[in-house]
N, C-alpha and C. Protein backbone atom coordinates (compact mmCIF):
# COMPACT_ATOMS: atom_id res chain seq x y z
N MET A 1 0.87 -1.50 0.15
CA MET A 1 -0.13 0.03 -0.57
C MET A 1 0.67 1.39 0.03
N LYS A 2 2.03 1.37 1.14
CA LYS A 2 2.62 2.34 0.67
C LYS A 2 3.61 2.77 -0.85
N THR A 3 3.81 1.93 -1.16
CA THR A 3 4.43 1.89 -2.76
C THR A 3 3.31 2.38 -3.71
N ALA A 4 1.91 2.28 -3.57
CA ALA A 4 1.48 2.66 -4.52
C ALA A 4 0.81 4.18 -3.91
N VAL A 5 1.08 4.29 -2.88
CA VAL A 5 0.76 5.87 -2.06
C VAL A 5 1.70 6.34 -2.84
N LEU A 6 3.33 6.29 -3.04
CA LEU A 6 3.93 7.34 -3.46
C LEU A 6 4.01 7.08 -4.92
N SER A 7 3.40 6.16 -5.41
CA SER A 7 3.42 6.10 -7.02
C SER A 7 2.44 7.35 -7.57
N PHE A 8 1.23 7.01 -6.39
CA PHE A 8 -0.03 8.25 -6.88
C PHE A 8 0.21 9.50 -6.68
N VAL A 9 1.42 9.85 -5.40
CA VAL A 9 1.75 11.54 -5.08
C VAL A 9 2.77 11.52 -6.43
N GLY A 10 3.62 10.82 -6.56
CA GLY A 10 4.46 10.79 -7.82
C GLY A 10 3.82 11.69 -9.58
N SER A 11 2.50 10.78 -9.55
CA SER A 11 1.71 10.83 -10.60
C SER A 11 1.47 12.46 -10.51
N ILE A 12 1.36 13.02 -9.66
CA ILE A 12 0.69 14.20 -9.67
C ILE A 12 1.77 15.38 -9.19
N VAL A 13 2.76 15.25 -8.59
CA VAL A 13 3.65 16.12 -8.08
C VAL A 13 4.92 15.74 -8.29
N LEU A 14 5.14 14.77 -9.35
CA LEU A 14 6.26 14.30 -10.19
C LEU A 14 7.24 14.57 -8.65
N PHE A 15 8.80 14.80 -9.10
CA PHE A 15 9.52 14.53 -8.35
C PHE A 15 10.27 15.70 -7.32
N SER A 16 8.88 16.81 -7.17
CA SER A 16 9.28 17.91 -6.56
C SER A 16 9.12 17.38 -4.85
N THR A 17 10.24 18.26 -4.22
CA THR A 17 10.84 18.55 -3.09
C THR A 17 10.57 19.39 -2.50
N VAL A 18 9.45 20.37 -2.54
CA VAL A 18 8.78 21.57 -2.04
C VAL A 18 7.62 21.74 -2.23
N ALA A 19 6.91 22.40 -0.97
CA ALA A 19 5.42 21.94 -1.02
C ALA A 19 4.54 22.73 -2.27
N THR A 20 5.61 24.48 -2.66
CA THR A 20 4.79 25.14 -3.81
C THR A 20 6.10 24.92 -4.52
N VAL A 21 5.14 24.04 -5.94
CA VAL A 21 6.16 24.02 -7.03
C VAL A 21 5.47 25.27 -8.37
N ALA A 22 7.12 25.46 -8.97
CA ALA A 22 6.84 26.95 -10.29
C ALA A 22 5.60 25.73 -11.06
N ALA A 23 4.58 26.84 -11.34
CA ALA A 23 4.16 26.29 -12.44
C ALA A 23 4.36 25.67 -13.98
N SER A 24 6.01 26.57 -14.20
CA SER A 24 6.81 25.75 -14.84
C SER A 24 7.20 25.03 -15.41
N ALA A 25 7.33 24.31 -14.05
CA ALA A 25 8.21 23.09 -14.13
C ALA A 25 7.74 21.69 -14.89
N GLN A 26 6.21 21.87 -14.45
CA GLN A 26 5.46 21.07 -15.21
C GLN A 26 3.99 21.42 -15.87
N SER A 27 3.32 20.77 -16.74
CA SER A 27 2.36 21.37 -17.19
C SER A 27 0.91 21.50 -16.40
N TRP A 28 0.92 22.78 -15.81
CA TRP A 28 -0.35 22.62 -15.15
C TRP A 28 -1.26 23.64 -15.97
N PRO A 29 -2.44 23.35 -15.46
CA PRO A 29 -3.31 24.50 -16.16
C PRO A 29 -3.07 25.70 -15.90
N ALA A 30 -3.37 26.70 -16.91
CA ALA A 30 -2.82 28.49 -16.63
C ALA A 30 -3.52 29.00 -15.86
N GLY A 31 -2.17 29.95 -14.63
CA GLY A 31 -2.66 30.20 -13.61
C GLY A 31 -2.32 29.52 -12.14
N ILE A 32 -2.28 28.20 -12.30
CA ILE A 32 -2.27 27.13 -11.43
C ILE A 32 -1.20 26.88 -10.54
N THR A 33 -0.78 27.23 -9.86
CA THR A 33 0.45 26.37 -8.98
C THR A 33 -0.14 25.63 -8.05
N PRO A 34 0.58 24.22 -7.85
CA PRO A 34 0.39 23.09 -7.38
C PRO A 34 1.22 23.21 -5.73
N VAL A 35 0.33 23.20 -4.68
CA VAL A 35 0.23 23.16 -3.34
C VAL A 35 0.37 21.82 -2.56
N ARG A 36 1.09 20.63 -2.24
CA ARG A 36 1.29 19.82 -1.28
C ARG A 36 1.26 20.13 0.16
N GLY A 37 0.88 19.83 1.22
CA GLY A 37 0.89 19.95 2.69
C GLY A 37 -0.10 19.03 3.32
N VAL A 38 -0.07 19.32 4.73
CA VAL A 38 -0.62 18.29 5.59
C VAL A 38 -1.53 18.99 5.72
N VAL A 39 -3.19 18.92 6.42
CA VAL A 39 -4.18 19.88 6.83
C VAL A 39 -3.59 20.50 8.43
N THR A 40 -3.78 21.34 8.95
CA THR A 40 -3.76 21.67 10.24
C THR A 40 -5.12 21.99 10.70
N SER A 41 -5.91 22.57 9.83
CA SER A 41 -7.65 23.06 9.98
C SER A 41 -8.15 23.46 9.13
N VAL A 42 -9.68 23.59 9.25
CA VAL A 42 -10.23 24.03 7.95
C VAL A 42 -11.62 24.65 8.86
N SER A 43 -11.47 26.15 8.76
CA SER A 43 -12.42 27.00 9.04
C SER A 43 -13.19 27.97 8.31
N GLY A 44 -14.50 27.88 8.45
CA GLY A 44 -15.17 28.33 7.31
C GLY A 44 -14.80 28.14 5.81
N ASP A 45 -14.74 28.99 5.12
CA ASP A 45 -13.42 29.05 3.61
C ASP A 45 -12.31 28.84 3.48
N VAL A 46 -11.36 28.74 4.77
CA VAL A 46 -10.42 28.63 4.48
C VAL A 46 -9.23 27.75 4.91
N LEU A 47 -8.46 26.71 4.63
CA LEU A 47 -8.20 25.64 4.63
C LEU A 47 -6.61 26.22 5.03
N ALA A 48 -6.03 25.63 5.71
CA ALA A 48 -4.21 25.84 6.44
C ALA A 48 -3.62 24.48 6.35
N LEU A 49 -2.74 24.64 5.56
CA LEU A 49 -1.59 23.65 5.58
C LEU A 49 -0.81 24.14 6.15
N SER A 50 0.05 22.59 6.58
CA SER A 50 1.63 23.06 6.75
C SER A 50 2.49 22.43 5.65
N SER A 51 3.39 23.06 5.45
CA SER A 51 3.73 22.38 4.10
C SER A 51 5.73 22.34 4.35
N GLN A 52 6.44 21.67 3.62
CA GLN A 52 7.91 21.79 3.97
C GLN A 52 8.45 23.04 3.96
N THR A 53 7.71 23.95 3.12
CA THR A 53 8.18 25.35 3.38
C THR A 53 7.28 26.63 4.40
N GLY A 54 6.75 25.82 5.46
CA GLY A 54 6.14 26.61 6.31
C GLY A 54 4.44 26.57 6.25
N PRO A 55 4.03 27.16 6.62
CA PRO A 55 2.34 27.20 6.85
C PRO A 55 1.83 28.38 5.61
N VAL A 56 0.69 27.59 4.92
CA VAL A 56 -0.20 27.98 4.19
C VAL A 56 -1.64 28.01 3.99
N LYS A 57 -1.81 29.32 3.88
CA LYS A 57 -3.51 29.04 3.88
C LYS A 57 -4.11 29.32 2.59
N ILE A 58 -5.61 28.78 1.87
CA ILE A 58 -5.78 28.64 0.86
C ILE A 58 -7.55 28.46 1.26
N HIS A 59 -8.10 29.72 0.56
CA HIS A 59 -9.24 30.16 0.17
C HIS A 59 -10.23 28.79 -0.54
N LEU A 60 -11.29 28.33 -0.07
CA LEU A 60 -12.32 27.69 -0.78
C LEU A 60 -12.95 27.99 -1.54
N GLY A 61 -13.22 27.92 -2.73
CA GLY A 61 -14.61 28.22 -3.64
C GLY A 61 -15.28 27.64 -3.26
N SER A 62 -16.90 28.30 -3.85
CA SER A 62 -18.02 27.35 -3.46
C SER A 62 -18.14 26.39 -4.20
N SER A 63 -17.29 26.19 -5.37
CA SER A 63 -17.12 25.02 -6.68
C SER A 63 -16.43 23.88 -5.97
N LEU A 64 -16.22 23.95 -4.97
CA LEU A 64 -15.15 23.14 -4.14
C LEU A 64 -15.33 21.63 -4.81
N LYS A 65 -13.86 21.04 -5.09
CA LYS A 65 -14.51 19.49 -5.81
C LYS A 65 -13.30 18.83 -4.91
N VAL A 66 -13.39 17.83 -4.17
CA VAL A 66 -12.40 16.86 -3.61
C VAL A 66 -12.74 15.32 -3.93
N TYR A 67 -10.62 15.08 -4.77
CA TYR A 67 -11.05 13.93 -5.22
C TYR A 67 -10.50 12.70 -4.08
N LYS A 68 -10.46 11.49 -4.31
CA LYS A 68 -9.81 10.39 -3.57
C LYS A 68 -9.73 9.33 -4.37
N ARG A 69 -8.35 8.66 -4.15
CA ARG A 69 -7.85 7.48 -4.61
C ARG A 69 -9.11 6.41 -4.00
N THR A 70 -9.62 6.06 -5.49
CA THR A 70 -9.99 4.21 -5.13
C THR A 70 -9.79 3.28 -6.12
N PRO A 71 -9.87 1.90 -5.60
CA PRO A 71 -9.12 0.85 -7.00
C PRO A 71 -10.14 1.18 -8.19
N SER A 72 -9.29 0.60 -9.05
CA SER A 72 -9.66 0.18 -10.37
C SER A 72 -8.96 -0.68 -11.01
N ASP A 73 -9.27 -0.96 -12.20
CA ASP A 73 -8.54 -2.04 -13.04
C ASP A 73 -8.41 -1.31 -14.81
N LEU A 74 -7.35 -2.09 -15.27
CA LEU A 74 -7.17 -1.63 -16.54
C LEU A 74 -8.41 -2.00 -17.72
N ALA A 75 -9.23 -2.68 -17.40
CA ALA A 75 -10.13 -2.40 -18.06
C ALA A 75 -10.87 -1.27 -18.64
N LYS A 76 -10.98 -0.13 -17.46
CA LYS A 76 -11.20 1.51 -16.96
C LYS A 76 -10.04 2.11 -18.18
N VAL A 77 -9.13 1.58 -18.30
CA VAL A 77 -7.92 2.33 -19.09
C VAL A 77 -8.38 2.11 -20.49
N ASN A 78 -9.17 3.22 -21.33
CA ASN A 78 -9.20 3.05 -22.46
C ASN A 78 -8.76 4.11 -23.62
N SER A 79 -9.08 4.08 -24.71
CA SER A 79 -8.70 5.18 -25.50
C SER A 79 -9.00 7.01 -25.17
N GLU A 80 -7.82 7.76 -25.12
CA GLU A 80 -8.16 9.18 -24.56
C GLU A 80 -8.16 9.17 -23.25
N SER A 81 -8.10 8.16 -22.77
CA SER A 81 -8.34 8.27 -20.77
C SER A 81 -7.17 9.22 -20.80
N PHE A 82 -6.36 10.21 -19.87
CA PHE A 82 -5.50 10.74 -19.40
C PHE A 82 -4.91 9.97 -17.97
N VAL A 83 -4.04 9.36 -18.02
CA VAL A 83 -3.25 9.10 -16.92
C VAL A 83 -2.07 9.08 -16.62
N GLY A 84 -1.70 8.20 -15.19
CA GLY A 84 -0.21 8.51 -15.11
C GLY A 84 0.31 7.52 -14.51
N VAL A 85 1.57 6.95 -15.29
CA VAL A 85 2.30 5.43 -15.18
C VAL A 85 3.23 5.31 -14.09
N THR A 86 3.80 5.29 -12.98
CA THR A 86 4.82 5.10 -12.43
C THR A 86 5.63 3.63 -13.48
N SER A 87 6.81 3.71 -13.52
CA SER A 87 7.55 2.39 -14.36
C SER A 87 9.01 2.09 -13.66
N VAL A 88 9.62 1.17 -13.83
CA VAL A 88 10.78 0.58 -13.42
C VAL A 88 11.55 0.74 -14.76
N LYS A 89 12.57 0.84 -15.03
CA LYS A 89 13.67 0.01 -16.18
C LYS A 89 13.77 -1.43 -15.30
N GLN A 90 13.80 -2.04 -16.25
CA GLN A 90 14.24 -3.03 -16.53
C GLN A 90 15.45 -3.30 -17.12
N PRO A 91 16.60 -4.93 -16.72
CA PRO A 91 17.58 -4.91 -17.67
C PRO A 91 17.78 -4.62 -18.99
N ASP A 92 16.86 -5.04 -19.61
CA ASP A 92 16.72 -4.82 -20.96
C ASP A 92 16.72 -3.53 -21.57
N GLY A 93 16.46 -2.64 -20.84
CA GLY A 93 16.12 -1.17 -21.25
C GLY A 93 14.73 -1.08 -21.44
N SER A 94 13.83 -1.75 -21.35
CA SER A 94 12.15 -1.53 -21.21
C SER A 94 12.09 -1.02 -20.13
N GLU A 95 10.48 -0.78 -19.72
CA GLU A 95 10.09 0.27 -18.30
C GLU A 95 9.16 -0.84 -18.55
N ARG A 96 8.78 -1.30 -17.02
CA ARG A 96 7.76 -2.28 -16.57
C ARG A 96 6.93 -1.19 -15.53
N ALA A 97 5.33 -1.22 -15.86
CA ALA A 97 4.61 -0.37 -15.12
C ALA A 97 4.19 -1.33 -13.16
N THR A 98 4.62 -0.04 -12.48
CA THR A 98 4.38 -0.58 -11.38
C THR A 98 2.93 0.01 -10.53
N ASN A 99 2.61 0.82 -11.27
CA ASN A 99 1.23 1.87 -10.50
C ASN A 99 0.73 2.71 -11.99
N ILE A 100 -0.33 2.53 -11.95
CA ILE A 100 -1.11 3.64 -12.82
C ILE A 100 -2.69 4.05 -12.57
N ASN A 101 -2.60 5.34 -12.61
CA ASN A 101 -3.38 6.39 -12.20
C ASN A 101 -4.36 6.94 -13.25
N ILE A 102 -5.55 6.78 -13.18
CA ILE A 102 -6.76 7.26 -13.82
C ILE A 102 -7.11 8.56 -13.24
N PHE A 103 -6.92 9.62 -14.14
CA PHE A 103 -7.55 10.89 -13.78
C PHE A 103 -8.63 11.39 -14.30
N PRO A 104 -9.86 11.91 -13.82
CA PRO A 104 -11.09 12.71 -14.48
C PRO A 104 -10.77 13.39 -15.21
N GLU A 105 -11.58 13.66 -16.65
CA GLU A 105 -11.53 14.73 -16.98
C GLU A 105 -11.18 15.87 -17.05
N GLU A 106 -11.84 16.39 -15.60
CA GLU A 106 -11.88 17.77 -15.20
C GLU A 106 -10.16 18.18 -14.52
N LEU A 107 -9.44 16.89 -14.67
CA LEU A 107 -7.87 16.97 -14.02
C LEU A 107 -6.76 16.81 -15.15
N ARG A 108 -7.65 16.47 -16.74
CA ARG A 108 -6.94 16.47 -17.62
C ARG A 108 -5.56 17.15 -17.63
N GLY A 109 -4.39 16.85 -18.36
CA GLY A 109 -3.35 17.83 -18.81
C GLY A 109 -2.46 18.15 -17.36
N ILE A 110 -2.51 17.29 -16.43
CA ILE A 110 -1.83 17.73 -15.22
C ILE A 110 -0.83 17.26 -15.01
N GLY A 111 0.42 17.80 -15.78
CA GLY A 111 2.02 16.99 -15.24
C GLY A 111 2.38 16.31 -16.00
N GLU A 112 1.69 16.91 -17.60
CA GLU A 112 1.85 15.75 -18.42
C GLU A 112 3.23 16.20 -19.00
N GLY A 113 3.94 14.86 -19.47
CA GLY A 113 5.12 14.55 -19.35
C GLY A 113 5.88 13.08 -19.35
N SER A 114 7.31 12.96 -19.28
CA SER A 114 7.57 11.88 -18.38
C SER A 114 8.83 12.54 -18.16
N TYR A 115 9.23 12.11 -17.09
CA TYR A 115 10.38 12.56 -15.63
C TYR A 115 10.65 11.31 -15.18
N LEU A 116 11.96 11.04 -14.84
CA LEU A 116 12.85 10.30 -13.73
C LEU A 116 12.16 11.40 -12.37
N MET A 117 11.64 10.29 -11.70
CA MET A 117 11.15 10.59 -10.67
C MET A 117 12.94 10.93 -9.03
N ASP A 118 13.44 10.55 -9.65
CA ASP A 118 14.78 10.97 -9.11
C ASP A 118 15.92 11.45 -9.95
N PRO A 119 15.80 12.72 -9.89
CA PRO A 119 16.89 13.50 -11.36
C PRO A 119 17.93 13.21 -11.21
N ASN A 120 18.67 12.38 -9.91
CA ASN A 120 19.85 12.19 -9.64
C ASN A 120 20.62 11.58 -10.81
N PRO A 121 21.79 11.94 -11.47
CA PRO A 121 22.04 11.38 -12.68
C PRO A 121 22.72 9.89 -11.83
N ALA A 122 23.57 9.64 -11.15
CA ALA A 122 23.65 8.45 -10.43
C ALA A 122 23.07 7.09 -10.23
N ARG A 123 21.74 7.76 -9.73
CA ARG A 123 20.68 6.66 -9.48
C ARG A 123 19.43 6.78 -10.50
N SER A 124 19.93 7.71 -11.66
CA SER A 124 18.99 7.51 -13.03
C SER A 124 18.81 5.91 -13.45
N ALA A 125 19.49 5.19 -13.37
CA ALA A 125 19.35 3.70 -13.77
C ALA A 125 18.61 3.02 -13.11
N SER A 126 18.47 3.32 -11.14
CA SER A 126 17.36 2.45 -10.87
C SER A 126 16.12 3.42 -10.15
N SER A 127 16.24 4.52 -11.28
CA SER A 127 15.25 5.20 -10.27
C SER A 127 13.96 4.92 -11.35
N SER A 128 12.18 5.18 -10.70
CA SER A 128 11.13 5.14 -11.38
C SER A 128 10.94 6.24 -12.36
N ARG A 129 9.96 6.05 -13.12
CA ARG A 129 9.80 7.03 -14.15
C ARG A 129 8.33 7.39 -14.09
N MET A 130 7.99 8.74 -14.36
CA MET A 130 6.83 9.23 -14.11
C MET A 130 6.30 9.44 -15.59
N THR A 131 4.96 9.26 -15.98
CA THR A 131 4.83 9.51 -17.42
C THR A 131 3.17 9.49 -17.29
N ASN A 132 2.67 11.16 -17.31
CA ASN A 132 1.37 11.74 -17.34
C ASN A 132 1.00 11.78 -19.12
N GLY A 133 0.30 11.42 -19.44
CA GLY A 133 -0.38 11.92 -20.96
C GLY A 133 -1.54 11.17 -20.99
N THR A 134 -1.96 10.92 -22.22
CA THR A 134 -3.17 10.99 -22.89
C THR A 134 -3.37 9.15 -23.65
N VAL A 135 -4.18 8.22 -22.94
CA VAL A 135 -4.25 6.99 -23.98
C VAL A 135 -4.09 7.13 -25.10
N ALA A 136 -3.10 6.13 -25.98
CA ALA A 136 -2.88 6.17 -27.48
C ALA A 136 -3.16 4.58 -27.87
N GLY A 137 -1.93 4.58 -28.72
CA GLY A 137 -2.12 3.12 -29.04
C GLY A 137 -0.66 2.26 -28.79
N PRO A 138 -0.36 1.13 -28.69
CA PRO A 138 0.69 0.63 -28.33
C PRO A 138 1.32 0.89 -28.65
N ALA A 139 2.94 1.43 -27.66
CA ALA A 139 3.92 1.98 -27.88
C ALA A 139 4.88 0.88 -26.71
N SER A 140 6.36 1.77 -26.57
CA SER A 140 7.29 0.78 -25.51
C SER A 140 7.70 1.68 -24.60
N ARG A 141 7.45 1.52 -23.73
CA ARG A 141 8.27 1.97 -22.34
C ARG A 141 7.48 2.78 -21.05
N MET A 142 8.11 2.87 -20.10
CA MET A 142 7.02 4.03 -19.19
C MET A 142 6.07 5.04 -20.24
N THR A 143 5.03 4.67 -19.45
CA THR A 143 3.86 5.60 -20.64
C THR A 143 2.51 5.39 -19.71
N ASN A 144 1.43 6.27 -20.05
CA ASN A 144 0.11 5.95 -20.43
C ASN A 144 -0.39 6.00 -21.59
N GLY A 145 -1.12 4.95 -21.67
CA GLY A 145 -2.20 4.68 -23.10
C GLY A 145 -2.74 3.37 -22.94
N THR A 146 -2.92 2.73 -24.11
CA THR A 146 -3.70 1.89 -24.79
C THR A 146 -3.18 0.42 -24.04
N VAL A 147 -4.00 -0.45 -24.02
CA VAL A 147 -3.24 -1.90 -23.08
C VAL A 147 -3.77 -2.69 -24.32
N SER A 148 -2.29 -3.18 -24.68
CA SER A 148 -2.63 -4.26 -25.78
C SER A 148 -2.24 -5.13 -25.66
N THR A 149 -2.13 -6.25 -26.12
CA THR A 149 -1.55 -8.07 -26.03
C THR A 149 -0.96 -7.90 -27.16
N ARG A 150 0.80 -8.46 -27.05
CA ARG A 150 1.32 -8.74 -27.80
C ARG A 150 2.36 -9.92 -27.74
N SER A 151 2.09 -11.13 -28.43
CA SER A 151 2.79 -12.42 -27.88
C SER A 151 2.77 -12.87 -26.25
N GLY A 152 1.60 -12.24 -25.96
CA GLY A 152 1.47 -12.99 -24.30
C GLY A 152 1.61 -11.59 -23.67
N ALA A 153 2.34 -10.86 -23.92
CA ALA A 153 2.90 -9.56 -23.01
C ALA A 153 1.76 -8.23 -23.12
N ALA A 154 1.09 -7.82 -22.19
CA ALA A 154 0.59 -6.44 -22.09
C ALA A 154 1.31 -5.29 -22.19
N THR A 155 1.23 -4.41 -23.20
CA THR A 155 1.75 -3.08 -23.23
C THR A 155 0.92 -2.09 -22.95
N LEU A 156 1.47 -0.99 -22.81
CA LEU A 156 0.43 0.35 -22.42
C LEU A 156 1.10 1.38 -23.12
N SER A 157 0.67 2.11 -24.16
CA SER A 157 0.96 3.11 -24.95
C SER A 157 0.48 4.56 -24.50
N VAL A 158 1.06 5.89 -24.30
CA VAL A 158 0.68 6.65 -24.28
C VAL A 158 1.46 7.85 -24.61
N GLN A 159 0.83 8.63 -25.24
CA GLN A 159 0.73 10.19 -25.79
C GLN A 159 0.68 11.50 -24.99
N TYR A 160 2.05 12.20 -25.01
CA TYR A 160 2.25 13.75 -23.92
C TYR A 160 3.09 14.58 -25.42
N SER A 161 2.80 16.02 -24.83
CA SER A 161 3.31 16.97 -25.30
C SER A 161 4.86 16.72 -25.35
N GLY A 162 5.55 16.45 -26.88
CA GLY A 162 6.56 16.33 -27.52
C GLY A 162 7.33 14.73 -27.59
N GLY A 163 6.04 14.14 -27.08
CA GLY A 163 6.44 12.43 -26.96
C GLY A 163 5.36 11.49 -27.32
N MET A 164 5.88 10.35 -26.93
CA MET A 164 5.10 8.68 -26.97
C MET A 164 5.83 7.84 -26.51
N GLN A 165 5.47 7.43 -25.38
CA GLN A 165 6.02 5.86 -25.02
C GLN A 165 5.53 4.98 -24.58
N THR A 166 5.86 3.61 -24.65
CA THR A 166 4.94 2.30 -24.21
C THR A 166 5.93 1.70 -23.18
N ILE A 167 4.91 0.98 -22.40
CA ILE A 167 5.31 0.23 -21.79
C ILE A 167 4.63 -1.34 -21.11
N SER A 168 5.57 -2.44 -20.73
CA SER A 168 4.92 -4.05 -20.07
C SER A 168 4.30 -3.38 -18.86
N VAL A 169 2.99 -4.33 -18.64
CA VAL A 169 2.15 -4.14 -17.58
C VAL A 169 1.71 -5.68 -17.07
N PRO A 170 2.65 -5.51 -16.25
CA PRO A 170 2.03 -7.21 -15.55
C PRO A 170 0.44 -7.39 -15.03
N ARG A 171 0.07 -8.50 -14.95
CA ARG A 171 -0.88 -8.75 -14.48
C ARG A 171 -1.79 -8.12 -13.26
N ASP A 172 -0.61 -7.96 -12.49
CA ASP A 172 -0.87 -7.52 -10.60
C ASP A 172 -0.61 -6.06 -10.99
N VAL A 173 -0.78 -5.41 -11.84
CA VAL A 173 -0.27 -4.03 -11.61
C VAL A 173 -1.13 -3.28 -10.82
N SER A 174 -1.26 -2.50 -10.05
CA SER A 174 -2.08 -1.72 -9.03
C SER A 174 -2.72 -0.48 -10.20
N VAL A 175 -4.08 -0.35 -10.18
CA VAL A 175 -4.70 0.59 -10.79
C VAL A 175 -5.50 1.18 -10.25
N THR A 176 -5.41 2.58 -9.66
CA THR A 176 -6.59 3.59 -8.82
C THR A 176 -6.93 4.56 -9.73
N ALA A 177 -7.90 5.21 -9.62
CA ALA A 177 -8.62 6.42 -10.12
C ALA A 177 -9.24 7.14 -9.18
N LEU A 178 -9.05 9.00 -9.48
CA LEU A 178 -9.40 9.65 -8.75
C LEU A 178 -10.91 10.23 -8.53
N THR A 179 -12.03 9.89 -7.62
CA THR A 179 -12.93 9.85 -7.77
C THR A 179 -13.38 11.16 -7.16
N PRO A 180 -14.76 12.29 -6.88
CA PRO A 180 -15.01 13.08 -5.91
C PRO A 180 -15.37 12.51 -5.04
N THR A 181 -15.59 12.86 -3.47
CA THR A 181 -15.49 12.47 -2.81
C THR A 181 -16.65 13.39 -1.93
N THR A 182 -17.38 13.53 -0.96
CA THR A 182 -18.00 14.21 -0.33
C THR A 182 -17.41 14.21 0.94
N ASP A 183 -16.52 13.21 1.14
CA ASP A 183 -15.84 13.25 2.88
C ASP A 183 -14.88 15.02 3.24
N LYS A 184 -15.17 15.00 4.43
CA LYS A 184 -14.79 16.15 4.80
C LYS A 184 -13.32 16.48 4.89
N LEU A 185 -12.52 17.22 4.89
CA LEU A 185 -11.36 17.45 4.87
C LEU A 185 -10.99 17.55 6.85
N LYS A 186 -9.61 16.39 7.23
CA LYS A 186 -9.60 16.72 8.41
C LYS A 186 -8.12 17.24 8.45
N PRO A 187 -7.92 17.59 9.85
CA PRO A 187 -6.70 17.69 10.34
C PRO A 187 -5.81 16.61 10.60
N GLY A 188 -4.27 16.37 9.31
CA GLY A 188 -3.77 15.13 9.62
C GLY A 188 -3.30 14.85 7.98
N GLU A 189 -4.53 14.96 7.22
CA GLU A 189 -4.51 14.41 6.29
C GLU A 189 -3.56 15.27 5.11
N ASN A 190 -3.16 14.47 4.39
CA ASN A 190 -2.07 14.93 3.29
C ASN A 190 -2.73 14.98 1.73
N VAL A 191 -2.74 16.27 1.58
CA VAL A 191 -3.87 17.05 0.64
C VAL A 191 -2.59 17.27 -0.71
N PHE A 192 -2.98 17.54 -2.21
CA PHE A 192 -2.60 17.93 -3.00
C PHE A 192 -3.86 19.06 -3.76
N VAL A 193 -3.11 20.28 -3.60
CA VAL A 193 -4.15 21.60 -4.03
C VAL A 193 -3.62 22.00 -5.40
N LEU A 194 -4.48 22.32 -6.33
CA LEU A 194 -4.35 23.16 -7.56
C LEU A 194 -4.63 24.51 -7.20
N ALA A 195 -4.16 25.39 -6.51
CA ALA A 195 -4.00 26.72 -6.10
C ALA A 195 -4.20 27.81 -7.39
N LYS A 196 -5.05 28.59 -7.21
CA LYS A 196 -4.88 29.52 -8.32
C LYS A 196 -4.41 31.24 -7.06
N THR A 197 -3.60 31.83 -7.42
CA THR A 197 -3.00 32.93 -6.76
C THR A 197 -3.44 33.90 -7.30
N LEU A 198 -4.16 34.51 -6.36
CA LEU A 198 -4.92 35.74 -6.38
C LEU A 198 -4.05 37.41 -6.34
N GLN A 199 -4.64 38.26 -6.83
CA GLN A 199 -3.82 39.57 -6.86
C GLN A 199 -2.94 39.97 -5.67
N ASP A 200 -3.49 39.72 -4.40
CA ASP A 200 -3.05 39.43 -2.81
C ASP A 200 -1.72 38.95 -2.64
N GLY A 201 -1.61 37.87 -3.80
CA GLY A 201 -0.77 36.88 -3.37
C GLY A 201 -1.19 35.36 -2.47
N SER A 202 -2.15 35.66 -2.17
CA SER A 202 -2.60 34.32 -1.57
C SER A 202 -3.72 33.17 -2.48
N PHE A 203 -3.88 32.38 -2.06
CA PHE A 203 -4.42 31.26 -2.78
C PHE A 203 -5.97 30.74 -2.62
N SER A 204 -6.28 30.70 -3.60
CA SER A 204 -7.61 29.80 -3.47
C SER A 204 -7.59 28.65 -4.15
N THR A 205 -8.89 28.04 -4.13
CA THR A 205 -8.84 26.34 -4.74
C THR A 205 -10.04 26.23 -4.84
N THR A 206 -10.36 25.22 -6.19
CA THR A 206 -12.12 24.34 -6.24
C THR A 206 -11.13 23.20 -5.93
N SER A 207 -10.33 22.86 -6.37
CA SER A 207 -9.81 21.38 -6.81
C SER A 207 -8.62 20.83 -5.57
N ILE A 208 -8.94 19.68 -4.53
CA ILE A 208 -8.13 19.10 -4.15
C ILE A 208 -8.10 18.11 -4.23
N VAL A 209 -7.22 17.56 -3.99
CA VAL A 209 -6.62 15.72 -3.73
C VAL A 209 -6.38 15.10 -2.51
N LEU A 210 -6.47 14.16 -2.24
CA LEU A 210 -7.01 13.70 -0.57
C LEU A 210 -5.80 12.81 -0.77
N ILE A 211 -4.01 12.79 -0.58
CA ILE A 211 -3.13 11.81 -1.16
C ILE A 211 -3.18 10.49 0.28
N GLY A 212 -3.40 11.07 1.26
CA GLY A 212 -3.92 9.97 2.56
C GLY A 212 -3.37 10.37 4.04
N PRO A 213 -3.52 9.64 4.89
CA PRO A 213 -3.17 10.57 6.26
C PRO A 213 -1.73 10.51 6.83
């Protein structure tokens, strides 16, 4: 379970080590800054977080949507799905999926691209790779895409801005989906927030993802 959670976090935060990531680092919607932290309180329409860079307060919009991870399966990965795949390089140079995350349509485009989750060149050979993109046709290496079978081996193909990749998919790969929830935000929960920066420098949001306790 811990590995699945880390893979899920990676698909939306990638290899960021700070709570607030520059919007230019990934393909985020225009005007959106991703913020990650632990809920310390929810008072009215204000969410307070404890992050690696200090306390953060975020105003909650009236159309707020909260998403959580729910179990899913490969049958839900179909043409045009937007997914995030964590993979590990194999001895033959191919990529093997360890986790697949399916995003809802309203979160399409988050973190689009293919990245090493540990950018340290000394450890890159054993690093996990994260690829966020749109399901395409069969291809090869860590990716997001359509599941197909070739000579008994399942593969996943994905297309993203600037390229396309494919990856082998084991039968027991973990698959999760982000789905809306009516669960209330609680202190101690880890969250990922798509925050909009207001003119006064404060944050507001209408989309929050529950990462876990």
